[in-house]
Amino acid sequence: MIKPLGDRIVIKVVEDNEQTTGGIFIPDSAKEKPQRGEVIAVGYGEVSEKGERKPMDVKPGDMVLYAKYAGTEVKEGGDLLKIMSIKDVLGIIE
């Protein structure tokens, strides 16, 4: 398990299995990078100028949409994870 520091989060990338209406699967090389995932770990948050810790906007279990080229990819236990700053998260998917 990866424990993120500061204002970083760890996301499990959710990849869509894309298939055309004719039944042809689209190879990974032809697909765009996924931009959504499930938050699996959250850091403690950023420290303000006054020394107070700012609360994080997401929690483990949230599905989020993030910037296209955000974060650093890491493989762990067969899962593709991304470690990124909370600033790269565009929104929570409800």
PDB file of N, CA and C in Angstrom:
ATOM      1  N   MET A   1       0.850  -1.195   0.000  1.00  0.00           N
ATOM      2  CA  MET A   1       0.000   0.000   0.000  1.00  0.00           C
ATOM      3  C   MET A   1       0.881   1.239   0.000  1.00  0.00           C
ATOM      4  N   ILE A   2       0.540   2.192  -0.803  1.00  0.00           N
ATOM      5  CA  ILE A   2       1.282   3.446  -0.895  1.00  0.00           C
ATOM      6  C   ILE A   2       0.567   4.495  -0.058  1.00  0.00           C
ATOM      7  N   LYS A   3       1.291   5.169   0.805  1.00  0.00           N
ATOM      8  CA  LYS A   3       0.750   6.242   1.650  1.00  0.00           C
ATOM      9  C   LYS A   3       1.217   7.574   1.061  1.00  0.00           C
ATOM     10  N   PRO A   4       0.306   8.354   0.469  1.00  0.00           N
ATOM     11  CA  PRO A   4       0.714   9.632  -0.119  1.00  0.00           C
ATOM     12  C   PRO A   4       1.025  10.677   0.948  1.00  0.00           C
ATOM     13  N   LEU A   5       1.897  11.596   0.606  1.00  0.00           N
ATOM     14  CA  LEU A   5       2.290  12.668   1.518  1.00  0.00           C
ATOM     15  C   LEU A   5       1.666  13.989   1.091  1.00  0.00           C
ATOM     16  N   GLY A   6       1.516  14.892   2.051  1.00  0.00           N
ATOM     17  CA  GLY A   6       1.045  16.248   1.766  1.00  0.00           C
ATOM     18  C   GLY A   6      -0.300  16.284   1.077  1.00  0.00           C
ATOM     19  N   ASP A   7      -0.353  17.011  -0.048  1.00  0.00           N
ATOM     20  CA  ASP A   7      -1.622  17.184  -0.768  1.00  0.00           C
ATOM     21  C   ASP A   7      -1.761  16.194  -1.926  1.00  0.00           C
ATOM     22  N   ARG A   8      -1.118  15.039  -1.805  1.00  0.00           N
ATOM     23  CA  ARG A   8      -1.183  14.045  -2.878  1.00  0.00           C
ATOM     24  C   ARG A   8      -2.208  12.957  -2.567  1.00  0.00           C
ATOM     25  N   ILE A   9      -2.688  12.327  -3.641  1.00  0.00           N
ATOM     26  CA  ILE A   9      -3.619  11.218  -3.509  1.00  0.00           C
ATOM     27  C   ILE A   9      -3.151  10.071  -4.400  1.00  0.00           C
ATOM     28  N   VAL A  10      -3.621   8.868  -4.100  1.00  0.00           N
ATOM     29  CA  VAL A  10      -3.352   7.702  -4.934  1.00  0.00           C
ATOM     30  C   VAL A  10      -4.675   7.269  -5.547  1.00  0.00           C
ATOM     31  N   ILE A  11      -4.664   7.089  -6.869  1.00  0.00           N
ATOM     32  CA  ILE A  11      -5.866   6.729  -7.612  1.00  0.00           C
ATOM     33  C   ILE A  11      -5.637   5.414  -8.335  1.00  0.00           C
ATOM     34  N   LYS A  12      -6.626   4.528  -8.276  1.00  0.00           N
ATOM     35  CA  LYS A  12      -6.629   3.306  -9.082  1.00  0.00           C
ATOM     36  C   LYS A  12      -7.305   3.669 -10.393  1.00  0.00           C
ATOM     37  N   VAL A  13      -6.550   3.589 -11.484  1.00  0.00           N
ATOM     38  CA  VAL A  13      -7.051   3.981 -12.799  1.00  0.00           C
ATOM     39  C   VAL A  13      -8.144   3.012 -13.239  1.00  0.00           C
ATOM     40  N   VAL A  14      -9.259   3.568 -13.713  1.00  0.00           N
ATOM     41  CA  VAL A  14     -10.368   2.762 -14.228  1.00  0.00           C
ATOM     42  C   VAL A  14     -10.293   2.822 -15.741  1.00  0.00           C
ATOM     43  N   GLU A  15     -10.004   1.672 -16.342  1.00  0.00           N
ATOM     44  CA  GLU A  15      -9.910   1.610 -17.794  1.00  0.00           C
ATOM     45  C   GLU A  15     -11.174   0.999 -18.351  1.00  0.00           C
ATOM     46  N   ASP A  16     -11.694   1.609 -19.399  1.00  0.00           N
ATOM     47  CA  ASP A  16     -12.891   1.101 -20.066  1.00  0.00           C
ATOM     48  C   ASP A  16     -12.471   0.080 -21.113  1.00  0.00           C
ATOM     49  N   ASN A  17     -13.153  -1.042 -21.153  1.00  0.00           N
ATOM     50  CA  ASN A  17     -12.941  -2.003 -22.227  1.00  0.00           C
ATOM     51  C   ASN A  17     -13.784  -1.551 -23.400  1.00  0.00           C
ATOM     52  N   GLU A  18     -13.131  -0.906 -24.353  1.00  0.00           N
ATOM     53  CA  GLU A  18     -13.878  -0.344 -25.473  1.00  0.00           C
ATOM     54  C   GLU A  18     -14.047  -1.379 -26.566  1.00  0.00           C
ATOM     55  N   GLN A  19     -15.280  -1.478 -27.033  1.00  0.00           N
ATOM     56  CA  GLN A  19     -15.618  -2.401 -28.096  1.00  0.00           C
ATOM     57  C   GLN A  19     -16.566  -1.677 -29.038  1.00  0.00           C
ATOM     58  N   THR A  20     -16.353  -1.840 -30.331  1.00  0.00           N
ATOM     59  CA  THR A  20     -17.238  -1.203 -31.303  1.00  0.00           C
ATOM     60  C   THR A  20     -18.557  -1.959 -31.354  1.00  0.00           C
ATOM     61  N   THR A  21     -19.547  -1.372 -32.024  1.00  0.00           N
ATOM     62  CA  THR A  21     -20.842  -2.043 -32.144  1.00  0.00           C
ATOM     63  C   THR A  21     -20.729  -3.336 -32.941  1.00  0.00           C
ATOM     64  N   GLY A  22     -19.716  -3.451 -33.772  1.00  0.00           N
ATOM     65  CA  GLY A  22     -19.499  -4.669 -34.557  1.00  0.00           C
ATOM     66  C   GLY A  22     -18.771  -5.754 -33.780  1.00  0.00           C
ATOM     67  N   GLY A  23     -18.369  -5.462 -32.532  1.00  0.00           N
ATOM     68  CA  GLY A  23     -17.713  -6.462 -31.700  1.00  0.00           C
ATOM     69  C   GLY A  23     -16.203  -6.421 -31.727  1.00  0.00           C
ATOM     70  N   ILE A  24     -15.620  -5.422 -32.379  1.00  0.00           N
ATOM     71  CA  ILE A  24     -14.156  -5.315 -32.461  1.00  0.00           C
ATOM     72  C   ILE A  24     -13.655  -4.537 -31.252  1.00  0.00           C
ATOM     73  N   PHE A  25     -12.651  -5.119 -30.562  1.00  0.00           N
ATOM     74  CA  PHE A  25     -12.043  -4.420 -29.429  1.00  0.00           C
ATOM     75  C   PHE A  25     -11.005  -3.439 -29.937  1.00  0.00           C
ATOM     76  N   ILE A  26     -10.994  -2.259 -29.346  1.00  0.00           N
ATOM     77  CA  ILE A  26     -10.028  -1.226 -29.724  1.00  0.00           C
ATOM     78  C   ILE A  26      -8.761  -1.443 -28.912  1.00  0.00           C
ATOM     79  N   PRO A  27      -7.589  -1.599 -29.569  1.00  0.00           N
ATOM     80  CA  PRO A  27      -6.347  -1.851 -28.820  1.00  0.00           C
ATOM     81  C   PRO A  27      -5.931  -0.647 -27.984  1.00  0.00           C
ATOM     82  N   ASP A  28      -5.148  -0.923 -26.915  1.00  0.00           N
ATOM     83  CA  ASP A  28      -4.698   0.136 -26.019  1.00  0.00           C
ATOM     84  C   ASP A  28      -3.950   1.240 -26.744  1.00  0.00           C
ATOM     85  N   SER A  29      -3.193   0.883 -27.782  1.00  0.00           N
ATOM     86  CA  SER A  29      -2.394   1.882 -28.491  1.00  0.00           C
ATOM     87  C   SER A  29      -3.266   2.876 -29.251  1.00  0.00           C
ATOM     88  N   ALA A  30      -4.510   2.519 -29.539  1.00  0.00           N
ATOM     89  CA  ALA A  30      -5.396   3.410 -30.286  1.00  0.00           C
ATOM     90  C   ALA A  30      -6.332   4.209 -29.379  1.00  0.00           C
ATOM     91  N   LYS A  31      -6.328   3.881 -28.088  1.00  0.00           N
ATOM     92  CA  LYS A  31      -7.227   4.565 -27.150  1.00  0.00           C
ATOM     93  C   LYS A  31      -6.542   5.759 -26.517  1.00  0.00           C
ATOM     94  N   GLU A  32      -7.358   6.710 -26.082  1.00  0.00           N
ATOM     95  CA  GLU A  32      -6.826   7.814 -25.285  1.00  0.00           C
ATOM     96  C   GLU A  32      -6.596   7.329 -23.870  1.00  0.00           C
ATOM     97  N   LYS A  33      -5.706   8.014 -23.152  1.00  0.00           N
ATOM     98  CA  LYS A  33      -5.442   7.646 -21.769  1.00  0.00           C
ATOM     99  C   LYS A  33      -6.701   7.857 -20.932  1.00  0.00           C
ATOM    100  N   PRO A  34      -6.975   6.918 -20.000  1.00  0.00           N
ATOM    101  CA  PRO A  34      -8.147   7.120 -19.129  1.00  0.00           C
ATOM    102  C   PRO A  34      -7.937   8.331 -18.235  1.00  0.00           C
ATOM    103  N   GLN A  35      -9.026   8.978 -17.884  1.00  0.00           N
ATOM    104  CA  GLN A  35      -8.948  10.180 -17.068  1.00  0.00           C
ATOM    105  C   GLN A  35      -9.841  10.086 -15.847  1.00  0.00           C
ATOM    106  N   ARG A  36     -10.181   8.867 -15.451  1.00  0.00           N
ATOM    107  CA  ARG A  36     -10.978   8.720 -14.245  1.00  0.00           C
ATOM    108  C   ARG A  36     -10.463   7.536 -13.454  1.00  0.00           C
ATOM    109  N   GLY A  37     -10.734   7.607 -12.164  1.00  0.00           N
ATOM    110  CA  GLY A  37     -10.266   6.540 -11.305  1.00  0.00           C
ATOM    111  C   GLY A  37     -10.871   6.639  -9.923  1.00  0.00           C
ATOM    112  N   GLU A  38     -10.569   5.624  -9.112  1.00  0.00           N
ATOM    113  CA  GLU A  38     -11.075   5.563  -7.752  1.00  0.00           C
ATOM    114  C   GLU A  38      -9.970   5.952  -6.778  1.00  0.00           C
ATOM    115  N   VAL A  39     -10.271   6.874  -5.886  1.00  0.00           N
ATOM    116  CA  VAL A  39      -9.309   7.291  -4.869  1.00  0.00           C
ATOM    117  C   VAL A  39      -9.141   6.148  -3.873  1.00  0.00           C
ATOM    118  N   ILE A  40      -7.886   5.702  -3.668  1.00  0.00           N
ATOM    119  CA  ILE A  40      -7.668   4.620  -2.718  1.00  0.00           C
ATOM    120  C   ILE A  40      -6.873   5.072  -1.488  1.00  0.00           C
ATOM    121  N   ALA A  41      -6.189   6.212  -1.587  1.00  0.00           N
ATOM    122  CA  ALA A  41      -5.462   6.751  -0.433  1.00  0.00           C
ATOM    123  C   ALA A  41      -5.336   8.257  -0.575  1.00  0.00           C
ATOM    124  N   VAL A  42      -5.361   8.946   0.566  1.00  0.00           N
ATOM    125  CA  VAL A  42      -5.317  10.410   0.593  1.00  0.00           C
ATOM    126  C   VAL A  42      -4.261  10.856   1.588  1.00  0.00           C
ATOM    127  N   GLY A  43      -3.466  11.874   1.211  1.00  0.00           N
ATOM    128  CA  GLY A  43      -2.468  12.437   2.119  1.00  0.00           C
ATOM    129  C   GLY A  43      -3.132  13.267   3.208  1.00  0.00           C
ATOM    130  N   TYR A  44      -2.313  13.850   4.063  1.00  0.00           N
ATOM    131  CA  TYR A  44      -2.823  14.629   5.193  1.00  0.00           C
ATOM    132  C   TYR A  44      -3.326  16.005   4.797  1.00  0.00           C
ATOM    133  N   GLY A  45      -2.952  16.490   3.624  1.00  0.00           N
ATOM    134  CA  GLY A  45      -3.379  17.815   3.175  1.00  0.00           C
ATOM    135  C   GLY A  45      -2.234  18.808   3.212  1.00  0.00           C
ATOM    136  N   GLU A  46      -2.428  19.898   2.521  1.00  0.00           N
ATOM    137  CA  GLU A  46      -1.426  20.955   2.422  1.00  0.00           C
ATOM    138  C   GLU A  46      -1.436  21.804   3.693  1.00  0.00           C
ATOM    139  N   VAL A  47      -0.270  22.315   4.064  1.00  0.00           N
ATOM    140  CA  VAL A  47      -0.165  23.181   5.236  1.00  0.00           C
ATOM    141  C   VAL A  47      -0.238  24.637   4.762  1.00  0.00           C
ATOM    142  N   SER A  48      -1.119  25.424   5.375  1.00  0.00           N
ATOM    143  CA  SER A  48      -1.285  26.827   5.003  1.00  0.00           C
ATOM    144  C   SER A  48      -0.121  27.652   5.541  1.00  0.00           C
ATOM    145  N   GLU A  49      -0.088  28.922   5.153  1.00  0.00           N
ATOM    146  CA  GLU A  49       0.960  29.830   5.630  1.00  0.00           C
ATOM    147  C   GLU A  49       0.900  30.030   7.137  1.00  0.00           C
ATOM    148  N   LYS A  50      -0.283  29.834   7.714  1.00  0.00           N
ATOM    149  CA  LYS A  50      -0.456  29.976   9.160  1.00  0.00           C
ATOM    150  C   LYS A  50      -0.100  28.699   9.914  1.00  0.00           C
ATOM    151  N   GLY A  51       0.300  27.662   9.176  1.00  0.00           N
ATOM    152  CA  GLY A  51       0.671  26.405   9.810  1.00  0.00           C
ATOM    153  C   GLY A  51      -0.487  25.459  10.054  1.00  0.00           C
ATOM    154  N   GLU A  52      -1.668  25.804   9.535  1.00  0.00           N
ATOM    155  CA  GLU A  52      -2.840  24.953   9.696  1.00  0.00           C
ATOM    156  C   GLU A  52      -2.968  24.025   8.494  1.00  0.00           C
ATOM    157  N   ARG A  53      -3.410  22.820   8.739  1.00  0.00           N
ATOM    158  CA  ARG A  53      -3.586  21.852   7.661  1.00  0.00           C
ATOM    159  C   ARG A  53      -4.938  22.039   6.989  1.00  0.00           C
ATOM    160  N   LYS A  54      -4.925  22.180   5.648  1.00  0.00           N
ATOM    161  CA  LYS A  54      -6.161  22.338   4.871  1.00  0.00           C
ATOM    162  C   LYS A  54      -6.770  20.951   4.637  1.00  0.00           C
ATOM    163  N   PRO A  55      -8.073  20.795   4.837  1.00  0.00           N
ATOM    164  CA  PRO A  55      -8.698  19.486   4.617  1.00  0.00           C
ATOM    165  C   PRO A  55      -8.710  19.118   3.131  1.00  0.00           C
ATOM    166  N   MET A  56      -8.646  17.829   2.847  1.00  0.00           N
ATOM    167  CA  MET A  56      -8.687  17.345   1.468  1.00  0.00           C
ATOM    168  C   MET A  56     -10.136  17.311   0.986  1.00  0.00           C
ATOM    169  N   ASP A  57     -10.333  17.535  -0.316  1.00  0.00           N
ATOM    170  CA  ASP A  57     -11.672  17.570  -0.895  1.00  0.00           C
ATOM    171  C   ASP A  57     -12.197  16.185  -1.268  1.00  0.00           C
ATOM    172  N   VAL A  58     -11.323  15.182  -1.294  1.00  0.00           N
ATOM    173  CA  VAL A  58     -11.738  13.826  -1.667  1.00  0.00           C
ATOM    174  C   VAL A  58     -11.426  12.862  -0.532  1.00  0.00           C
ATOM    175  N   LYS A  59     -12.046  11.689  -0.609  1.00  0.00           N
ATOM    176  CA  LYS A  59     -11.811  10.647   0.392  1.00  0.00           C
ATOM    177  C   LYS A  59     -11.700   9.315  -0.329  1.00  0.00           C
ATOM    178  N   PRO A  60     -11.105   8.304   0.298  1.00  0.00           N
ATOM    179  CA  PRO A  60     -11.027   6.988  -0.341  1.00  0.00           C
ATOM    180  C   PRO A  60     -12.419   6.493  -0.730  1.00  0.00           C
ATOM    181  N   GLY A  61     -12.505   5.933  -1.939  1.00  0.00           N
ATOM    182  CA  GLY A  61     -13.775   5.444  -2.461  1.00  0.00           C
ATOM    183  C   GLY A  61     -14.414   6.380  -3.463  1.00  0.00           C
ATOM    184  N   ASP A  62     -14.018   7.653  -3.484  1.00  0.00           N
ATOM    185  CA  ASP A  62     -14.566   8.615  -4.449  1.00  0.00           C
ATOM    186  C   ASP A  62     -14.077   8.282  -5.855  1.00  0.00           C
ATOM    187  N   MET A  63     -14.969   8.413  -6.849  1.00  0.00           N
ATOM    188  CA  MET A  63     -14.590   8.315  -8.263  1.00  0.00           C
ATOM    189  C   MET A  63     -14.320   9.739  -8.731  1.00  0.00           C
ATOM    190  N   VAL A  64     -13.143   9.950  -9.338  1.00  0.00           N
ATOM    191  CA  VAL A  64     -12.751  11.298  -9.741  1.00  0.00           C
ATOM    192  C   VAL A  64     -12.356  11.355 -11.205  1.00  0.00           C
ATOM    193  N   LEU A  65     -12.449  12.539 -11.744  1.00  0.00           N
ATOM    194  CA  LEU A  65     -11.987  12.859 -13.082  1.00  0.00           C
ATOM    195  C   LEU A  65     -10.738  13.714 -12.904  1.00  0.00           C
ATOM    196  N   TYR A  66      -9.659  13.364 -13.607  1.00  0.00           N
ATOM    197  CA  TYR A  66      -8.409  14.106 -13.427  1.00  0.00           C
ATOM    198  C   TYR A  66      -7.831  14.553 -14.760  1.00  0.00           C
ATOM    199  N   ALA A  67      -6.884  15.479 -14.713  1.00  0.00           N
ATOM    200  CA  ALA A  67      -6.255  16.034 -15.908  1.00  0.00           C
ATOM    201  C   ALA A  67      -5.556  14.928 -16.708  1.00  0.00           C
ATOM    202  N   LYS A  68      -5.558  15.065 -18.013  1.00  0.00           N
ATOM    203  CA  LYS A  68      -5.091  14.026 -18.932  1.00  0.00           C
ATOM    204  C   LYS A  68      -3.688  13.493 -18.640  1.00  0.00           C
ATOM    205  N   TYR A  69      -2.732  14.343 -18.411  1.00  0.00           N
ATOM    206  CA  TYR A  69      -1.350  13.898 -18.211  1.00  0.00           C
ATOM    207  C   TYR A  69      -0.893  14.056 -16.762  1.00  0.00           C
ATOM    208  N   ALA A  70      -1.823  14.000 -15.839  1.00  0.00           N
ATOM    209  CA  ALA A  70      -1.523  14.224 -14.419  1.00  0.00           C
ATOM    210  C   ALA A  70      -0.858  13.007 -13.790  1.00  0.00           C
ATOM    211  N   GLY A  71      -0.039  13.268 -12.800  1.00  0.00           N
ATOM    212  CA  GLY A  71       0.474  12.233 -11.923  1.00  0.00           C
ATOM    213  C   GLY A  71       1.566  11.347 -12.469  1.00  0.00           C
ATOM    214  N   THR A  72       1.986  10.437 -11.602  1.00  0.00           N
ATOM    215  CA  THR A  72       3.019   9.456 -11.902  1.00  0.00           C
ATOM    216  C   THR A  72       2.397   8.070 -11.827  1.00  0.00           C
ATOM    217  N   GLU A  73       2.571   7.283 -12.882  1.00  0.00           N
ATOM    218  CA  GLU A  73       2.005   5.940 -12.913  1.00  0.00           C
ATOM    219  C   GLU A  73       2.884   4.958 -12.153  1.00  0.00           C
ATOM    220  N   VAL A  74       2.221   4.059 -11.411  1.00  0.00           N
ATOM    221  CA  VAL A  74       2.907   3.033 -10.635  1.00  0.00           C
ATOM    222  C   VAL A  74       2.091   1.748 -10.768  1.00  0.00           C
ATOM    223  N   LYS A  75       2.772   0.618 -10.982  1.00  0.00           N
ATOM    224  CA  LYS A  75       2.095  -0.682 -10.996  1.00  0.00           C
ATOM    225  C   LYS A  75       2.264  -1.317  -9.629  1.00  0.00           C
ATOM    226  N   GLU A  76       1.154  -1.786  -9.049  1.00  0.00           N
ATOM    227  CA  GLU A  76       1.218  -2.476  -7.765  1.00  0.00           C
ATOM    228  C   GLU A  76       0.182  -3.585  -7.747  1.00  0.00           C
ATOM    229  N   GLY A  77       0.650  -4.818  -7.609  1.00  0.00           N
ATOM    230  CA  GLY A  77      -0.263  -5.957  -7.536  1.00  0.00           C
ATOM    231  C   GLY A  77      -1.149  -6.113  -8.758  1.00  0.00           C
ATOM    232  N   GLY A  78      -0.658  -5.775  -9.936  1.00  0.00           N
ATOM    233  CA  GLY A  78      -1.443  -5.901 -11.155  1.00  0.00           C
ATOM    234  C   GLY A  78      -2.348  -4.716 -11.440  1.00  0.00           C
ATOM    235  N   ASP A  79      -2.436  -3.761 -10.524  1.00  0.00           N
ATOM    236  CA  ASP A  79      -3.266  -2.571 -10.721  1.00  0.00           C
ATOM    237  C   ASP A  79      -2.409  -1.406 -11.192  1.00  0.00           C
ATOM    238  N   LEU A  80      -2.983  -0.574 -12.035  1.00  0.00           N
ATOM    239  CA  LEU A  80      -2.317   0.655 -12.458  1.00  0.00           C
ATOM    240  C   LEU A  80      -2.780   1.768 -11.537  1.00  0.00           C
ATOM    241  N   LEU A  81      -1.828   2.352 -10.811  1.00  0.00           N
ATOM    242  CA  LEU A  81      -2.125   3.435  -9.878  1.00  0.00           C
ATOM    243  C   LEU A  81      -1.492   4.717 -10.376  1.00  0.00           C
ATOM    244  N   LYS A  82      -2.048   5.840  -9.963  1.00  0.00           N
ATOM    245  CA  LYS A  82      -1.455   7.149 -10.228  1.00  0.00           C
ATOM    246  C   LYS A  82      -1.344   7.889  -8.915  1.00  0.00           C
ATOM    247  N   ILE A  83      -0.188   8.494  -8.706  1.00  0.00           N
ATOM    248  CA  ILE A  83       0.026   9.367  -7.558  1.00  0.00           C
ATOM    249  C   ILE A  83       0.038  10.784  -8.108  1.00  0.00           C
ATOM    250  N   MET A  84      -0.858  11.625  -7.582  1.00  0.00           N
ATOM    251  CA  MET A  84      -0.970  12.978  -8.115  1.00  0.00           C
ATOM    252  C   MET A  84      -1.351  13.971  -7.032  1.00  0.00           C
ATOM    253  N   SER A  85      -1.154  15.236  -7.342  1.00  0.00           N
ATOM    254  CA  SER A  85      -1.566  16.308  -6.461  1.00  0.00           C
ATOM    255  C   SER A  85      -3.074  16.470  -6.532  1.00  0.00           C
ATOM    256  N   ILE A  86      -3.680  16.871  -5.446  1.00  0.00           N
ATOM    257  CA  ILE A  86      -5.120  17.125  -5.426  1.00  0.00           C
ATOM    258  C   ILE A  86      -5.486  18.208  -6.431  1.00  0.00           C
ATOM    259  N   LYS A  87      -4.540  19.059  -6.788  1.00  0.00           N
ATOM    260  CA  LYS A  87      -4.777  20.144  -7.749  1.00  0.00           C
ATOM    261  C   LYS A  87      -5.043  19.618  -9.155  1.00  0.00           C
ATOM    262  N   ASP A  88      -4.633  18.353  -9.443  1.00  0.00           N
ATOM    263  CA  ASP A  88      -4.863  17.762 -10.752  1.00  0.00           C
ATOM    264  C   ASP A  88      -6.243  17.123 -10.877  1.00  0.00           C
ATOM    265  N   VAL A  89      -6.975  17.035  -9.768  1.00  0.00           N
ATOM    266  CA  VAL A  89      -8.329  16.459  -9.800  1.00  0.00           C
ATOM    267  C   VAL A  89      -9.295  17.545 -10.269  1.00  0.00           C
ATOM    268  N   LEU A  90     -10.073  17.208 -11.299  1.00  0.00           N
ATOM    269  CA  LEU A  90     -10.999  18.172 -11.885  1.00  0.00           C
ATOM    270  C   LEU A  90     -12.371  18.120 -11.247  1.00  0.00           C
ATOM    271  N   GLY A  91     -12.755  16.937 -10.738  1.00  0.00           N
ATOM    272  CA  GLY A  91     -14.064  16.825 -10.114  1.00  0.00           C
ATOM    273  C   GLY A  91     -14.338  15.431  -9.602  1.00  0.00           C
ATOM    274  N   ILE A  92     -15.386  15.315  -8.797  1.00  0.00           N
ATOM    275  CA  ILE A  92     -15.831  14.033  -8.253  1.00  0.00           C
ATOM    276  C   ILE A  92     -17.011  13.570  -9.097  1.00  0.00           C
ATOM    277  N   ILE A  93     -16.982  12.303  -9.532  1.00  0.00           N
ATOM    278  CA  ILE A  93     -18.070  11.733 -10.310  1.00  0.00           C
ATOM    279  C   ILE A  93     -19.086  11.129  -9.358  1.00  0.00           C
ATOM    280  N   GLU A  94     -20.334  11.576  -9.441  1.00  0.00           N
ATOM    281  CA  GLU A  94     -21.386  11.056  -8.549  1.00  0.00           C
ATOM    282  C   GLU A  94     -22.321  10.138  -9.288  1.00  0.00           C
TER     283      GLU A  94
END
